[in-house]
Amino acid sequence: MIIDVHGHWGPWFFSTDVGDAAENLRVMDAYGIDLQLVSAVEAVVYDPSSGNEALVPVLRAQPRLRGLLVIDPREPDLAARQLAELLPTGLFVGAKIHTHYARTPGGAPAMAEALALLAAHDLPALVHTWGEEIIGLADVVAEVAGARVVAAHLGGPAWPLVPFAAERTDRLWFEPCWSTPAAGRVRWVLDRIGAHRLMFGSDATLIDPSVTLAAVRAAALTPDEEELVMWRNAAEVFGLPGPE
C-alpha cells in the first residue's frame, strides 16, 4: 500500500497546466498510490477561502483523495471559520501551511498560533520547509502542546539538519519530495531518525511521483521500513485506513 501525504489539486501558474482530478488519479494508478492527501493550489498560492471550498466537491467525487485544508497563519480568523465549516464534512484529514506563499517562516510566532489552532481541532499539518526554517519549525512544534506536523521536503537543501530537528520533538515527522534530490539523502536521514519518522510524499501533480519513489527505492528499505514509510506512519498520524 502507498499513501501519498503531499499532493495538490488544481492548475499551477507554472508551465505545468494541470487542473483536473483525473490527472491525480492517473499518476496514482501509474505508480500504485492508493490514497493521496491533496490541498487546492488556489488555496496555497492565492486565496484559502475560495480554494478550500472549491476542493470540497472534488473530494466528494473522488474517495481516493483526502483533503488538506490550507491555513494562512496571517489570517487566523479565516482559518478558524473554515475549520468550523469544513471539518464537519469529514473530507479533510489534515491542514497544509506553505511558509513561503504565506510569508510565515517555520519559527514565526504566527506559525505557533496556527499550529495551536490546529491542535485544538486535533488536526495534523503538512508544513512546507525550505532551508534552516526546519529547525525553527521544530522548536515551535515542541512548544505548542498537541501540535503534530509533517515537515515537507526535508527542508530542501537543508536536509542534513533533519536529525537536529527530530531531536527537538517527537511530534514532528518528515516527508522527502524534492525535484532535484541529492543522492543517498533518504538512506542517510533514515539511518539517523528511524523509519517511524518518515512518510512518503510526491508533490504531485507539480512533480511526478516517480522522482520521490525512485529516491525512496534507492534507499533499499527493509520490509519493515517500507511499511512504515509508505503507509503506516501516514495512516496513524492522519487517521487513514490501512490495507484491506
Protein backbone atom coordinates (compact mmCIF):
# COMPACT_ATOMS: atom_id res chain seq x y z
CA MET A 1 0.00 0.00 0.00
CA ILE A 2 1.11 3.59 -0.66
CA ILE A 3 -0.27 6.74 0.97
CA ASP A 4 0.96 9.97 -0.57
CA VAL A 5 0.78 12.73 2.07
CA HIS A 6 1.79 15.58 -0.25
CA GLY A 7 -0.44 16.09 -3.26
CA HIS A 8 -2.21 19.04 -4.89
CA TRP A 9 -5.36 19.58 -6.92
CA GLY A 10 -5.78 22.33 -9.47
CA PRO A 11 -3.74 24.21 -12.08
CA TRP A 12 -0.41 25.85 -11.31
CA PHE A 13 0.82 29.17 -12.64
CA PHE A 14 3.92 27.33 -13.87
CA SER A 15 4.09 25.67 -17.29
CA THR A 16 2.56 22.52 -15.81
CA ASP A 17 -1.05 23.45 -16.58
CA VAL A 18 -2.73 20.58 -14.74
CA GLY A 19 -6.11 21.10 -13.13
CA ASP A 20 -8.36 18.07 -13.39
CA ALA A 21 -8.57 15.49 -10.60
CA ALA A 22 -8.32 12.87 -13.34
CA GLU A 23 -4.61 13.71 -13.54
CA ASN A 24 -4.20 12.97 -9.84
CA LEU A 25 -5.83 9.58 -10.34
CA ARG A 26 -3.78 8.91 -13.48
CA VAL A 27 -0.46 9.28 -11.68
CA MET A 28 -1.77 7.41 -8.65
CA ASP A 29 -2.71 4.46 -10.84
CA ALA A 30 0.58 4.64 -12.71
CA TYR A 31 2.62 4.28 -9.51
CA GLY A 32 0.34 2.22 -7.29
CA ILE A 33 -0.66 5.03 -4.93
CA ASP A 34 -3.80 4.08 -3.03
CA LEU A 35 -4.61 7.36 -1.24
CA GLN A 36 -3.38 10.89 -1.81
CA LEU A 37 -3.74 13.87 0.53
CA VAL A 38 -4.33 16.99 -1.55
CA SER A 39 -4.51 20.73 -1.00
CA ALA A 40 -6.09 23.10 -3.50
CA VAL A 41 -3.45 25.02 -5.45
CA GLU A 42 -5.75 28.06 -5.45
CA ALA A 43 -5.78 27.98 -1.66
CA VAL A 44 -2.00 27.64 -1.41
CA VAL A 45 -0.95 30.38 -3.82
CA TYR A 46 -3.92 32.76 -3.91
CA ASP A 47 -6.92 32.51 -1.60
CA PRO A 48 -7.58 29.87 1.10
CA SER A 49 -11.22 30.91 1.34
CA SER A 50 -12.20 30.13 -2.25
CA GLY A 51 -9.60 27.42 -2.79
CA ASN A 52 -10.55 25.25 0.18
CA GLU A 53 -14.24 25.49 -0.69
CA ALA A 54 -13.56 24.57 -4.33
CA LEU A 55 -11.86 21.38 -3.20
CA VAL A 56 -14.94 20.07 -1.37
CA PRO A 57 -16.88 18.72 -4.41
CA VAL A 58 -13.69 17.17 -5.78
CA LEU A 59 -13.14 15.25 -2.55
CA ARG A 60 -16.77 14.13 -2.51
CA ALA A 61 -16.43 12.76 -6.05
CA GLN A 62 -13.02 11.10 -5.54
CA PRO A 63 -12.79 8.94 -2.39
CA ARG A 64 -9.12 8.15 -3.06
CA LEU A 65 -8.33 11.83 -2.49
CA ARG A 66 -8.38 13.20 1.07
CA GLY A 67 -8.26 16.89 1.85
CA LEU A 68 -5.59 19.10 3.40
CA LEU A 69 -7.25 22.36 4.41
CA VAL A 70 -4.90 25.24 3.62
CA ILE A 71 -4.21 27.60 6.52
CA ASP A 72 -2.61 31.03 6.10
CA PRO A 73 -1.16 31.97 9.51
CA ARG A 74 -1.68 35.64 8.64
CA GLU A 75 -5.45 35.09 8.58
CA PRO A 76 -6.34 33.31 11.84
CA ASP A 77 -9.99 34.36 11.80
CA LEU A 78 -10.50 32.91 8.32
CA ALA A 79 -8.70 29.74 9.37
CA ALA A 80 -10.90 29.33 12.43
CA ARG A 81 -14.05 29.90 10.38
CA GLN A 82 -13.11 27.42 7.67
CA LEU A 83 -12.10 24.79 10.21
CA ALA A 84 -15.52 25.14 11.82
CA GLU A 85 -17.31 24.99 8.48
CA LEU A 86 -15.34 22.36 6.56
CA LEU A 87 -14.08 19.85 9.11
CA PRO A 88 -17.63 18.54 9.76
CA THR A 89 -17.76 17.38 6.14
CA GLY A 90 -15.31 14.62 7.08
CA LEU A 91 -13.42 15.27 3.84
CA PHE A 92 -10.33 16.91 5.37
CA VAL A 93 -7.85 14.82 7.35
CA GLY A 94 -5.20 17.48 7.90
CA ALA A 95 -4.05 21.00 7.14
CA LYS A 96 -1.45 22.47 4.80
CA ILE A 97 0.70 25.52 5.53
CA HIS A 98 3.07 26.86 2.89
CA THR A 99 5.60 29.03 4.68
CA HIS A 100 6.74 30.92 1.58
CA TYR A 101 3.41 31.77 -0.04
CA ALA A 102 2.04 32.73 3.38
CA ARG A 103 5.26 34.64 4.19
CA THR A 104 5.36 32.92 7.59
CA PRO A 105 8.65 31.11 8.38
CA GLY A 106 8.53 27.87 10.32
CA GLY A 107 9.71 29.53 13.52
CA ALA A 108 7.44 32.60 13.40
CA PRO A 109 5.03 33.45 16.23
CA ALA A 110 2.15 33.31 13.74
CA MET A 111 3.13 29.72 12.95
CA ALA A 112 2.86 28.85 16.63
CA GLU A 113 -0.62 30.39 16.75
CA ALA A 114 -1.72 28.50 13.63
CA LEU A 115 -0.46 25.19 14.99
CA ALA A 116 -2.18 25.83 18.32
CA LEU A 117 -5.45 26.37 16.44
CA LEU A 118 -4.97 23.10 14.57
CA ALA A 119 -4.02 21.26 17.76
CA ALA A 120 -7.30 22.44 19.30
CA HIS A 121 -9.04 20.56 16.47
CA ASP A 122 -6.65 17.58 16.80
CA LEU A 123 -5.64 18.15 13.19
CA PRO A 124 -2.13 17.33 11.92
CA ALA A 125 -0.42 19.68 9.45
CA LEU A 126 1.86 19.30 6.46
CA VAL A 127 4.16 22.33 6.54
CA HIS A 128 6.43 23.44 3.69
CA THR A 129 10.05 23.71 4.86
CA TRP A 130 12.99 25.07 2.92
CA GLY A 131 16.33 25.84 4.47
CA GLU A 132 17.13 26.40 8.12
CA GLU A 133 13.49 27.19 8.96
CA ILE A 134 13.08 23.46 9.58
CA ILE A 135 14.84 23.98 12.92
CA GLY A 136 12.59 26.91 13.82
CA LEU A 137 9.55 24.84 12.95
CA ALA A 138 10.75 22.01 15.18
CA ASP A 139 11.15 24.41 18.09
CA VAL A 140 7.62 25.75 17.55
CA VAL A 141 6.15 22.24 17.39
CA ALA A 142 7.92 21.40 20.64
CA GLU A 143 6.41 24.49 22.30
CA VAL A 144 2.81 24.02 21.11
CA ALA A 145 1.06 21.33 23.11
CA GLY A 146 -0.62 18.74 20.92
CA ALA A 147 0.80 20.00 17.62
CA ARG A 148 1.53 17.28 15.07
CA VAL A 149 3.45 18.32 11.97
CA VAL A 150 4.97 16.72 8.89
CA ALA A 151 7.89 18.79 7.58
CA ALA A 152 7.65 18.71 3.79
CA HIS A 153 10.73 18.40 1.57
CA LEU A 154 13.08 17.58 4.49
CA GLY A 155 13.97 21.27 4.38
CA GLY A 156 15.10 21.03 0.75
CA PRO A 157 18.83 21.78 0.57
CA ALA A 158 18.97 21.88 4.37
CA TRP A 159 18.18 18.16 4.66
CA PRO A 160 21.31 17.45 6.77
CA LEU A 161 19.56 19.41 9.55
CA VAL A 162 16.74 16.85 9.81
CA PRO A 163 18.34 14.85 12.66
CA PHE A 164 18.72 18.05 14.71
CA ALA A 165 15.08 18.96 14.06
CA ALA A 166 13.95 15.45 15.00
CA GLU A 167 15.76 15.70 18.35
CA ARG A 168 13.68 18.70 19.39
CA THR A 169 10.30 16.95 19.46
CA ASP A 170 8.75 13.54 18.79
CA ARG A 171 5.68 15.22 17.25
CA LEU A 172 7.48 16.15 14.05
CA TRP A 173 7.62 13.81 11.05
CA PHE A 174 9.34 14.32 7.72
CA GLU A 175 8.49 13.96 4.04
CA PRO A 176 11.19 13.81 1.32
CA CYS A 177 9.80 15.09 -2.01
CA TRP A 178 12.12 17.37 -3.97
CA SER A 179 12.52 17.93 -7.70
CA THR A 180 16.35 17.71 -7.55
CA PRO A 181 17.14 15.31 -4.69
CA ALA A 182 20.68 14.63 -3.57
CA ALA A 183 21.90 11.05 -3.99
CA GLY A 184 21.73 8.97 -0.82
CA ARG A 185 19.68 11.55 1.06
CA VAL A 186 16.79 9.28 2.11
CA ARG A 187 19.01 6.49 3.45
CA TRP A 188 21.18 8.99 5.31
CA VAL A 189 18.14 10.52 7.00
CA LEU A 190 16.53 7.16 7.80
CA ASP A 191 19.69 5.87 9.48
CA ARG A 192 19.62 8.88 11.83
CA ILE A 193 15.95 9.39 12.68
CA GLY A 194 14.42 5.95 12.10
CA ALA A 195 11.71 4.86 9.67
CA HIS A 196 8.91 5.75 12.12
CA ARG A 197 9.56 9.46 11.46
CA LEU A 198 9.40 9.47 7.63
CA MET A 199 6.36 9.47 5.29
CA PHE A 200 6.12 9.21 1.52
CA GLY A 201 5.02 12.33 -0.35
CA SER A 202 5.29 13.19 -4.04
CA ASP A 203 4.26 16.86 -4.54
CA ALA A 204 2.03 15.66 -7.39
CA THR A 205 0.76 16.99 -9.64
CA LEU A 206 3.53 19.58 -9.62
CA ILE A 207 6.19 16.84 -9.58
CA ASP A 208 5.74 13.35 -11.00
CA PRO A 209 5.69 10.75 -8.17
CA SER A 210 8.45 8.80 -9.91
CA VAL A 211 11.02 11.29 -8.60
CA THR A 212 10.41 10.61 -4.92
CA LEU A 213 9.58 6.95 -5.47
CA ALA A 214 12.97 6.45 -7.09
CA ALA A 215 14.73 8.23 -4.23
CA VAL A 216 12.95 6.04 -1.69
CA ARG A 217 13.60 2.84 -3.64
CA ALA A 218 17.29 3.77 -3.92
CA ALA A 219 17.43 3.79 -0.11
CA ALA A 220 16.88 -0.01 -0.15
CA LEU A 221 14.28 -0.04 2.63
CA THR A 222 13.77 -3.20 4.62
CA PRO A 223 10.22 -4.62 4.57
CA ASP A 224 9.51 -3.10 7.99
CA GLU A 225 10.90 0.29 6.93
CA GLU A 226 8.89 0.24 3.73
CA GLU A 227 5.64 -0.45 5.57
CA LEU A 228 6.25 2.47 7.93
CA VAL A 229 7.38 4.97 5.31
CA MET A 230 4.97 4.11 2.52
CA TRP A 231 1.73 3.97 4.52
CA ARG A 232 1.67 3.06 8.21
CA ASN A 233 3.08 6.33 9.61
CA ALA A 234 0.67 8.36 7.48
CA ALA A 235 -2.28 6.17 8.43
CA GLU A 236 -1.57 6.63 12.13
CA VAL A 237 -0.94 10.39 12.06
CA PHE A 238 -3.77 11.32 9.67
CA GLY A 239 -6.27 8.67 10.82
CA LEU A 240 -6.42 6.84 7.49
CA PRO A 241 -7.37 3.23 6.73
CA GLY A 242 -4.67 0.64 6.17
CA PRO A 243 -4.71 -2.24 3.68
CA GLU A 244 -7.98 -4.12 3.41
